[in-house]
Amino acid sequence: MRKDKPSRTALKLALNIVTLGSKPGMEAILPGGIVDATRKLLVASGAAGERTVKWAVNKPLCLKSKKTANSKFFTDLQKFSSCCCMTG
């Protein structure tokens, strides 16, 4: 961790929360208020500008390769949401 700045991992995680929060159905998975709070924290702390946050909101979810960690994460998230959160 760098002095007075979040790590790259923390920044990536925060931007991914913002990205996921803008996708349909994610409100059932993400805790209420986390997306808005994360957006405000990123901008207020100077870790990301308004333009970067807007980019994260509009970023498409891409699953190019099943071998990547992100692909596994999204696959697991889809399995979790279909069996636990999205039933009803």
Protein backbone atom coordinates (compact mmCIF):
# COMPACT_ATOMS: atom_id res chain seq x y z
CA MET A 1 0.00 0.00 0.00
CA ARG A 2 1.25 3.43 -0.89
CA LYS A 3 1.09 6.27 1.56
CA ASP A 4 -2.26 8.12 1.41
CA LYS A 5 -3.46 6.06 -1.56
CA PRO A 6 -5.34 2.78 -1.83
CA SER A 7 -3.60 -0.20 -3.35
CA ARG A 8 -4.28 -1.06 -6.99
CA THR A 9 -6.20 -4.11 -5.82
CA ALA A 10 -8.46 -1.99 -3.61
CA LEU A 11 -9.06 0.46 -6.45
CA LYS A 12 -9.89 -2.35 -8.89
CA LEU A 13 -12.27 -3.92 -6.39
CA ALA A 14 -14.05 -0.61 -5.78
CA LEU A 15 -14.42 0.06 -9.51
CA ASN A 16 -15.76 -3.47 -10.02
CA ILE A 17 -18.37 -2.88 -7.32
CA VAL A 18 -19.48 0.24 -9.21
CA THR A 19 -19.54 -1.70 -12.50
CA LEU A 20 -21.52 -4.60 -11.07
CA GLY A 21 -23.93 -2.24 -9.33
CA SER A 22 -24.95 -0.72 -12.64
CA LYS A 23 -25.98 -4.07 -14.12
CA PRO A 24 -29.55 -5.42 -13.93
CA GLY A 25 -30.16 -7.89 -11.13
CA MET A 26 -27.14 -6.95 -9.04
CA GLU A 27 -29.26 -5.07 -6.50
CA ALA A 28 -30.31 -8.49 -5.21
CA ILE A 29 -26.69 -9.52 -4.65
CA LEU A 30 -24.85 -6.38 -3.53
CA PRO A 31 -25.67 -4.86 -0.14
CA GLY A 32 -27.96 -1.83 -0.30
CA GLY A 33 -26.15 1.48 -0.61
CA ILE A 34 -22.72 -0.01 -1.30
CA VAL A 35 -22.56 1.18 -4.91
CA ASP A 36 -23.45 4.79 -4.14
CA ALA A 37 -21.13 4.85 -1.12
CA THR A 38 -18.28 3.39 -3.19
CA ARG A 39 -18.78 5.98 -5.95
CA LYS A 40 -18.71 8.83 -3.44
CA LEU A 41 -15.67 7.41 -1.63
CA LEU A 42 -13.68 7.00 -4.84
CA VAL A 43 -14.30 10.60 -5.91
CA ALA A 44 -14.06 12.24 -2.47
CA SER A 45 -10.77 10.48 -1.67
CA GLY A 46 -9.25 11.39 -5.02
CA ALA A 47 -8.61 7.71 -5.78
CA ALA A 48 -10.67 8.09 -8.98
CA GLY A 49 -12.16 11.03 -10.81
CA GLU A 50 -15.76 11.50 -11.95
CA ARG A 51 -14.80 10.42 -15.46
CA THR A 52 -13.29 7.14 -14.25
CA VAL A 53 -16.36 6.37 -12.14
CA LYS A 54 -18.66 7.10 -15.11
CA TRP A 55 -16.51 4.78 -17.22
CA ALA A 56 -16.90 2.03 -14.60
CA VAL A 57 -20.70 2.45 -14.62
CA ASN A 58 -20.83 2.07 -18.41
CA LYS A 59 -18.23 -0.67 -18.66
CA PRO A 60 -19.62 -3.88 -20.18
CA LEU A 61 -19.07 -7.16 -18.42
CA CYS A 62 -16.79 -9.20 -20.67
CA LEU A 63 -16.10 -12.87 -20.23
CA LYS A 64 -13.46 -13.48 -22.89
CA SER A 65 -11.79 -16.54 -21.42
CA LYS A 66 -12.96 -19.12 -18.93
CA LYS A 67 -9.35 -19.42 -17.78
CA THR A 68 -9.19 -15.99 -16.18
CA ALA A 69 -9.90 -15.31 -12.53
CA ASN A 70 -12.51 -12.71 -13.45
CA SER A 71 -14.39 -15.22 -15.59
CA LYS A 72 -14.42 -17.68 -12.72
CA PHE A 73 -15.65 -14.97 -10.37
CA PHE A 74 -18.54 -14.03 -12.68
CA THR A 75 -19.43 -17.67 -13.30
CA ASP A 76 -19.52 -18.30 -9.55
CA LEU A 77 -21.54 -15.12 -9.04
CA GLN A 78 -24.08 -16.25 -11.64
CA LYS A 79 -24.38 -19.69 -9.99
CA PHE A 80 -24.82 -18.07 -6.57
CA SER A 81 -27.43 -15.61 -7.78
CA SER A 82 -29.44 -18.27 -9.60
CA CYS A 83 -29.59 -20.64 -6.62
CA CYS A 84 -29.79 -18.23 -3.69
CA CYS A 85 -30.76 -14.68 -4.47
CA MET A 86 -32.79 -14.57 -7.64
CA THR A 87 -35.35 -17.23 -6.80
CA GLY A 88 -38.71 -16.11 -5.89
